[in-house]
Amino acid sequence: MARKAEPGAQCPSGWLVIDKPAGVTSAGVVNRVKRLMDMGRRDKAGHAGTLDPLATGILAVALGEATKVVSHIMDDAKTYTFKVKWGEARDTDDADGKVTGCSEVLPEAGQIEALLPQFVGVISQIPPDYSAIKVDGKRAYALARANEALVLSPRDITVHSFELTDSGPDWATFEVNCGKGTYIRALVRDIARELGTLGHVTVLRRTVSGPFEEPMANSLDKLESLGHSAALLEQVLPVQAALADIPALELTENEANCLRHGQTVATPYTGNGLVCAMQGSRLVAMAEADGVQIRPRRVFNF
């Protein structure tokens, strides 16, 4: 369990899994969490993957030493459920934007299901104009708001599964499991185009983010109701909760000290790739194994 930092002490380290409400930015959630935890300006916090203001669901907030493994979580697959309205395009590709076009074509369920296999696997996607992609040092959304012309480059993304879960005359709901960098709004834009119509996202929810799932999530209202109490700290998951997919390797005290000082350590472990170097229940480092030795990649200071 994370320990609440007293004035001048180290800030808590670990993960708070938030069920982000609609209408709040991801950065805004992080700021509210920092206030809840009495974290100072120099205390580190961040999130593992932006959610649009319209979106709800899993936002994993890293505190303290957990910020060192944010990139690992961002590389993990994520699952989204969402609803689409057909026949209308918006400049943001979601319900928060302005209407930019209309179509009388409303696809049927059979047409949608027949198309979805084309959007599974490694596919090319152009991010939405209203995205955080940088263009000549500026965010694309800032240029879009200023009505400046945008030419965003396509990028490869991976969609593991794409399922139509329900549909009506002018709407449909879906569930997608996808990899890093996937924009659901762009998927909807491109699917609508292939169906000969227009469309935009009206509801978007992230249900899984790497090892974090809905039952682990807390609402901001619940956390704020706990105040500065031990019950709040009990909601902080350990740093290694984000590393459940990495093998754990037990170290001696001497080996752990070597890794903490950036030195490689010989090991009988014959595997290759990332390992969680542990000394008892304490996470020492994320380390790289080559079958002979391990070398530290991220060292943790607890």
Protein backbone atom coordinates (compact mmCIF):
# COMPACT_ATOMS: atom_id res chain seq x y z
CA MET A 1 0.00 0.00 0.00
CA ALA A 2 1.25 3.48 -0.77
CA ARG A 3 2.16 5.72 2.16
CA LYS A 4 0.85 9.24 2.31
CA ALA A 5 3.66 11.71 2.17
CA GLU A 6 4.06 13.97 5.18
CA PRO A 7 5.21 17.55 4.46
CA GLY A 8 8.67 17.32 2.93
CA ALA A 9 8.49 13.53 2.52
CA GLN A 10 8.42 11.48 -0.66
CA CYS A 11 5.09 11.45 -2.50
CA PRO A 12 3.11 8.18 -2.73
CA SER A 13 4.03 5.85 -5.57
CA GLY A 14 1.60 3.61 -7.41
CA TRP A 15 -1.52 3.70 -9.55
CA LEU A 16 -4.94 5.23 -9.06
CA VAL A 17 -7.31 3.76 -11.63
CA ILE A 18 -9.93 6.38 -12.38
CA ASP A 19 -13.30 6.00 -14.06
CA LYS A 20 -13.05 9.28 -15.96
CA PRO A 21 -16.33 11.17 -16.29
CA ALA A 22 -17.40 12.86 -19.51
CA GLY A 23 -16.59 16.53 -19.94
CA VAL A 24 -13.23 16.40 -18.15
CA THR A 25 -9.82 16.31 -19.82
CA SER A 26 -7.30 13.63 -18.93
CA ALA A 27 -4.91 16.32 -17.70
CA GLY A 28 -7.70 17.70 -15.55
CA VAL A 29 -8.14 14.29 -13.91
CA VAL A 30 -4.42 14.13 -13.11
CA ASN A 31 -4.56 17.58 -11.51
CA ARG A 32 -7.52 16.59 -9.35
CA VAL A 33 -5.71 13.43 -8.26
CA LYS A 34 -2.62 15.45 -7.32
CA ARG A 35 -4.74 17.72 -5.14
CA LEU A 36 -6.39 14.70 -3.50
CA MET A 37 -3.00 13.21 -2.68
CA ASP A 38 -1.55 16.51 -1.45
CA MET A 39 1.21 16.28 -4.04
CA GLY A 40 3.50 19.23 -4.56
CA ARG A 41 4.71 20.81 -7.78
CA ARG A 42 7.80 18.64 -7.86
CA ASP A 43 5.92 15.41 -7.21
CA LYS A 44 5.41 13.44 -10.39
CA ALA A 45 2.08 12.25 -11.75
CA GLY A 46 0.79 11.39 -15.22
CA HIS A 47 -1.71 9.24 -17.07
CA ALA A 48 -1.25 6.18 -19.27
CA GLY A 49 -3.12 7.20 -22.43
CA THR A 50 -5.29 10.23 -23.17
CA LEU A 51 -9.07 9.99 -23.25
CA ASP A 52 -11.07 12.63 -25.17
CA PRO A 53 -13.17 14.97 -22.99
CA LEU A 54 -16.32 13.25 -24.34
CA ALA A 55 -15.01 9.80 -23.34
CA THR A 56 -15.45 7.97 -20.06
CA GLY A 57 -13.76 4.96 -18.52
CA ILE A 58 -10.36 3.67 -17.50
CA LEU A 59 -7.70 6.32 -16.99
CA ALA A 60 -4.73 4.91 -15.10
CA VAL A 61 -2.97 7.69 -13.19
CA ALA A 62 0.65 7.08 -12.23
CA LEU A 63 1.99 8.57 -9.01
CA GLY A 64 5.64 9.00 -8.11
CA GLU A 65 7.80 6.06 -9.20
CA ALA A 66 4.94 4.62 -11.27
CA THR A 67 5.53 7.38 -13.84
CA LYS A 68 8.65 5.44 -14.88
CA VAL A 69 6.52 2.69 -16.44
CA VAL A 70 3.81 4.81 -18.10
CA SER A 71 5.28 4.09 -21.54
CA HIS A 72 4.94 0.36 -20.88
CA ILE A 73 1.21 0.69 -20.20
CA MET A 74 0.68 2.95 -23.19
CA ASP A 75 2.03 0.18 -25.42
CA ASP A 76 -0.56 -2.29 -24.09
CA ALA A 77 -3.83 -3.09 -25.87
CA LYS A 78 -6.98 -1.23 -24.87
CA THR A 79 -10.68 -2.02 -25.23
CA TYR A 80 -13.37 0.52 -26.09
CA THR A 81 -17.13 0.44 -26.43
CA PHE A 82 -18.73 3.22 -28.43
CA LYS A 83 -21.84 4.41 -30.23
CA VAL A 84 -21.97 5.91 -33.72
CA LYS A 85 -24.57 8.15 -35.32
CA TRP A 86 -24.78 7.66 -39.09
CA GLY A 87 -25.65 10.32 -41.62
CA GLU A 88 -23.84 13.24 -40.02
CA ALA A 89 -20.18 14.32 -39.92
CA ARG A 90 -18.67 16.60 -37.27
CA ASP A 91 -15.38 18.51 -37.50
CA THR A 92 -14.06 16.72 -34.39
CA ASP A 93 -15.49 13.35 -35.50
CA ASP A 94 -17.49 13.23 -32.27
CA ALA A 95 -20.58 14.83 -30.77
CA ASP A 96 -18.59 17.77 -29.37
CA GLY A 97 -17.91 19.19 -32.84
CA LYS A 98 -19.80 21.23 -35.42
CA VAL A 99 -21.80 19.57 -38.19
CA THR A 100 -19.83 19.59 -41.45
CA GLY A 101 -21.93 17.33 -43.65
CA CYS A 102 -25.05 15.18 -43.89
CA SER A 103 -25.98 12.02 -45.75
CA GLU A 104 -29.26 10.19 -46.22
CA VAL A 105 -27.46 6.84 -46.50
CA LEU A 106 -28.05 4.72 -43.38
CA PRO A 107 -26.19 1.38 -43.39
CA GLU A 108 -27.81 -1.83 -42.26
CA ALA A 109 -26.30 -4.27 -39.77
CA GLY A 110 -25.38 -6.79 -42.47
CA GLN A 111 -23.45 -4.18 -44.44
CA ILE A 112 -21.57 -3.07 -41.33
CA GLU A 113 -20.63 -6.60 -40.29
CA ALA A 114 -19.42 -7.44 -43.79
CA LEU A 115 -17.08 -4.44 -43.72
CA LEU A 116 -15.52 -4.85 -40.28
CA PRO A 117 -12.93 -7.52 -41.25
CA GLN A 118 -11.26 -4.86 -43.43
CA PHE A 119 -10.56 -2.91 -40.24
CA VAL A 120 -8.96 -5.75 -38.28
CA GLY A 121 -5.20 -6.34 -38.24
CA VAL A 122 -2.51 -3.84 -39.10
CA ILE A 123 -4.19 -0.99 -40.95
CA SER A 124 -3.26 2.53 -42.01
CA GLN A 125 -5.01 5.39 -40.26
CA ILE A 126 -4.84 9.17 -40.63
CA PRO A 127 -5.38 10.78 -37.20
CA PRO A 128 -8.29 13.21 -36.80
CA ASP A 129 -7.56 16.90 -37.35
CA TYR A 130 -8.63 17.47 -33.76
CA SER A 131 -5.90 15.37 -32.18
CA ALA A 132 -2.75 15.95 -30.13
CA ILE A 133 -0.45 15.07 -33.05
CA LYS A 134 2.25 17.69 -33.50
CA VAL A 135 2.60 19.49 -36.84
CA ASP A 136 5.66 21.75 -37.08
CA GLY A 137 5.77 21.90 -33.30
CA LYS A 138 2.09 22.75 -32.85
CA ARG A 139 -0.79 20.51 -31.80
CA ALA A 140 -3.08 19.55 -34.65
CA TYR A 141 -6.18 20.51 -32.66
CA ALA A 142 -4.82 24.03 -32.14
CA LEU A 143 -4.25 24.43 -35.89
CA ALA A 144 -7.72 23.01 -36.63
CA ARG A 145 -9.34 25.49 -34.25
CA ALA A 146 -7.49 28.29 -36.03
CA ASN A 147 -8.86 27.01 -39.37
CA GLU A 148 -5.35 26.33 -40.65
CA ALA A 149 -4.92 23.71 -43.37
CA LEU A 150 -3.75 20.35 -42.05
CA VAL A 151 -2.07 17.43 -43.79
CA LEU A 152 -1.57 14.63 -41.28
CA SER A 153 0.47 11.60 -42.28
CA PRO A 154 -1.04 8.11 -42.11
CA ARG A 155 0.34 5.71 -39.52
CA ASP A 156 0.01 1.99 -38.98
CA ILE A 157 -2.16 0.85 -36.09
CA THR A 158 -3.26 -2.59 -34.92
CA VAL A 159 -6.89 -3.55 -34.36
CA HIS A 160 -7.12 -6.94 -32.64
CA SER A 161 -10.90 -7.30 -32.76
CA PHE A 162 -13.86 -5.25 -33.97
CA GLU A 163 -17.43 -6.28 -33.14
CA LEU A 164 -20.84 -4.79 -33.92
CA THR A 165 -22.82 -5.20 -30.69
CA ASP A 166 -26.14 -3.51 -31.55
CA SER A 167 -27.69 -1.27 -34.18
CA GLY A 168 -30.73 0.83 -35.04
CA PRO A 169 -31.99 2.87 -37.99
CA ASP A 170 -29.33 5.58 -37.73
CA TRP A 171 -26.94 4.28 -35.06
CA ALA A 172 -24.73 1.35 -34.12
CA THR A 173 -22.67 0.27 -31.10
CA PHE A 174 -19.30 -1.47 -31.23
CA GLU A 175 -16.54 -2.99 -29.13
CA VAL A 176 -12.93 -2.71 -30.27
CA ASN A 177 -9.70 -4.06 -28.86
CA CYS A 178 -6.76 -2.19 -30.35
CA GLY A 179 -3.14 -1.21 -29.96
CA LYS A 180 -1.28 2.00 -29.25
CA GLY A 181 -2.09 5.10 -31.30
CA THR A 182 -5.56 4.04 -32.47
CA TYR A 183 -8.12 6.84 -32.77
CA ILE A 184 -11.67 5.50 -32.44
CA ARG A 185 -13.00 8.70 -34.01
CA ALA A 186 -10.87 8.06 -37.09
CA LEU A 187 -12.05 4.44 -37.29
CA VAL A 188 -15.64 5.67 -37.33
CA ARG A 189 -14.86 8.34 -39.94
CA ASP A 190 -13.23 5.76 -42.22
CA ILE A 191 -15.90 3.07 -41.75
CA ALA A 192 -18.63 5.56 -42.57
CA ARG A 193 -16.78 6.55 -45.73
CA GLU A 194 -16.48 2.90 -46.82
CA LEU A 195 -20.21 2.46 -46.18
CA GLY A 196 -20.98 5.43 -48.44
CA THR A 197 -22.19 7.65 -45.63
CA LEU A 198 -20.98 9.92 -42.85
CA GLY A 199 -20.76 9.29 -39.13
CA HIS A 200 -19.41 10.42 -35.80
CA VAL A 201 -18.93 9.09 -32.26
CA THR A 202 -21.64 9.99 -29.75
CA VAL A 203 -20.56 7.81 -26.81
CA LEU A 204 -17.08 6.46 -26.08
CA ARG A 205 -15.90 4.41 -23.11
CA ARG A 206 -12.58 2.68 -22.38
CA THR A 207 -13.22 -0.54 -20.47
CA VAL A 208 -9.70 -2.01 -20.41
CA SER A 209 -6.26 -0.36 -20.44
CA GLY A 210 -3.50 -2.96 -20.29
CA PRO A 211 -3.83 -4.73 -16.91
CA PHE A 212 -6.42 -2.26 -15.62
CA GLU A 213 -10.13 -3.11 -15.94
CA GLU A 214 -13.43 -1.54 -14.89
CA PRO A 215 -13.76 -3.33 -11.50
CA MET A 216 -10.48 -1.66 -10.43
CA ALA A 217 -11.68 1.85 -11.22
CA ASN A 218 -12.81 4.53 -8.79
CA SER A 219 -14.91 7.57 -9.57
CA LEU A 220 -13.42 10.94 -8.74
CA ASP A 221 -16.46 11.68 -6.59
CA LYS A 222 -15.80 8.55 -4.51
CA LEU A 223 -12.13 9.41 -4.03
CA GLU A 224 -12.93 12.99 -3.11
CA SER A 225 -15.48 11.77 -0.55
CA LEU A 226 -12.73 9.76 1.17
CA GLY A 227 -10.75 12.92 1.80
CA HIS A 228 -7.20 12.67 3.12
CA SER A 229 -7.68 9.31 4.78
CA ALA A 230 -6.17 5.85 4.95
CA ALA A 231 -9.13 4.64 2.88
CA LEU A 232 -7.93 6.84 0.01
CA LEU A 233 -4.43 5.37 0.18
CA GLU A 234 -5.88 1.86 0.05
CA GLN A 235 -7.06 2.61 -3.49
CA VAL A 236 -3.47 3.14 -4.68
CA LEU A 237 -2.24 0.01 -6.46
CA PRO A 238 1.48 -0.86 -6.30
CA VAL A 239 3.79 0.14 -9.12
CA GLN A 240 4.18 -3.50 -10.18
CA ALA A 241 0.44 -3.76 -10.83
CA ALA A 242 1.27 -2.37 -14.28
CA LEU A 243 3.90 -5.04 -14.86
CA ALA A 244 1.83 -8.19 -14.40
CA ASP A 245 2.77 -9.39 -17.89
CA ILE A 246 6.51 -9.33 -17.11
CA PRO A 247 8.28 -12.28 -15.40
CA ALA A 248 9.48 -11.59 -11.86
CA LEU A 249 13.07 -12.40 -10.93
CA GLU A 250 14.13 -12.66 -7.28
CA LEU A 251 17.43 -11.00 -6.34
CA THR A 252 19.77 -11.17 -3.39
CA GLU A 253 20.45 -7.98 -1.45
CA ASN A 254 23.85 -7.62 -3.13
CA GLU A 255 22.36 -8.12 -6.62
CA ALA A 256 19.62 -5.60 -5.89
CA ASN A 257 22.17 -3.02 -4.78
CA CYS A 258 24.19 -3.56 -7.96
CA LEU A 259 21.13 -2.92 -10.13
CA ARG A 260 20.24 0.18 -8.14
CA HIS A 261 23.67 1.55 -9.02
CA GLY A 262 23.25 0.84 -12.73
CA GLN A 263 25.41 -2.29 -12.83
CA THR A 264 24.64 -5.51 -14.68
CA VAL A 265 24.08 -8.70 -12.68
CA ALA A 266 24.86 -12.28 -13.70
CA THR A 267 21.85 -14.56 -13.37
CA PRO A 268 20.88 -18.19 -13.96
CA TYR A 269 17.67 -16.93 -15.59
CA THR A 270 17.80 -18.13 -19.20
CA GLY A 271 14.98 -16.06 -20.63
CA ASN A 272 15.30 -12.97 -22.80
CA GLY A 273 13.48 -9.64 -22.57
CA LEU A 274 12.05 -7.56 -19.76
CA VAL A 275 11.90 -8.84 -16.18
CA CYS A 276 10.74 -7.34 -12.89
CA ALA A 277 13.75 -7.47 -10.60
CA MET A 278 12.45 -8.02 -7.07
CA GLN A 279 13.99 -8.16 -3.60
CA GLY A 280 11.32 -9.85 -1.56
CA SER A 281 8.15 -7.80 -2.09
CA ARG A 282 10.11 -4.71 -3.16
CA LEU A 283 10.35 -3.78 -6.84
CA VAL A 284 13.97 -2.93 -7.62
CA ALA A 285 14.00 -2.36 -11.37
CA MET A 286 12.63 -3.16 -14.77
CA ALA A 287 15.59 -4.95 -16.29
CA GLU A 288 16.60 -6.46 -19.62
CA ALA A 289 17.67 -10.12 -19.58
CA ASP A 290 19.79 -11.72 -22.31
CA GLY A 291 20.06 -15.26 -20.93
CA VAL A 292 23.35 -14.55 -19.14
CA GLN A 293 22.89 -11.33 -17.22
CA ILE A 294 20.37 -8.59 -16.58
CA ARG A 295 20.92 -4.86 -16.89
CA PRO A 296 18.68 -2.18 -15.39
CA ARG A 297 16.38 -0.16 -17.64
CA ARG A 298 14.29 1.60 -14.98
CA VAL A 299 15.45 1.69 -11.37
CA PHE A 300 12.90 2.43 -8.64
CA ASN A 301 13.63 4.48 -5.53
CA PHE A 302 11.48 3.34 -2.63
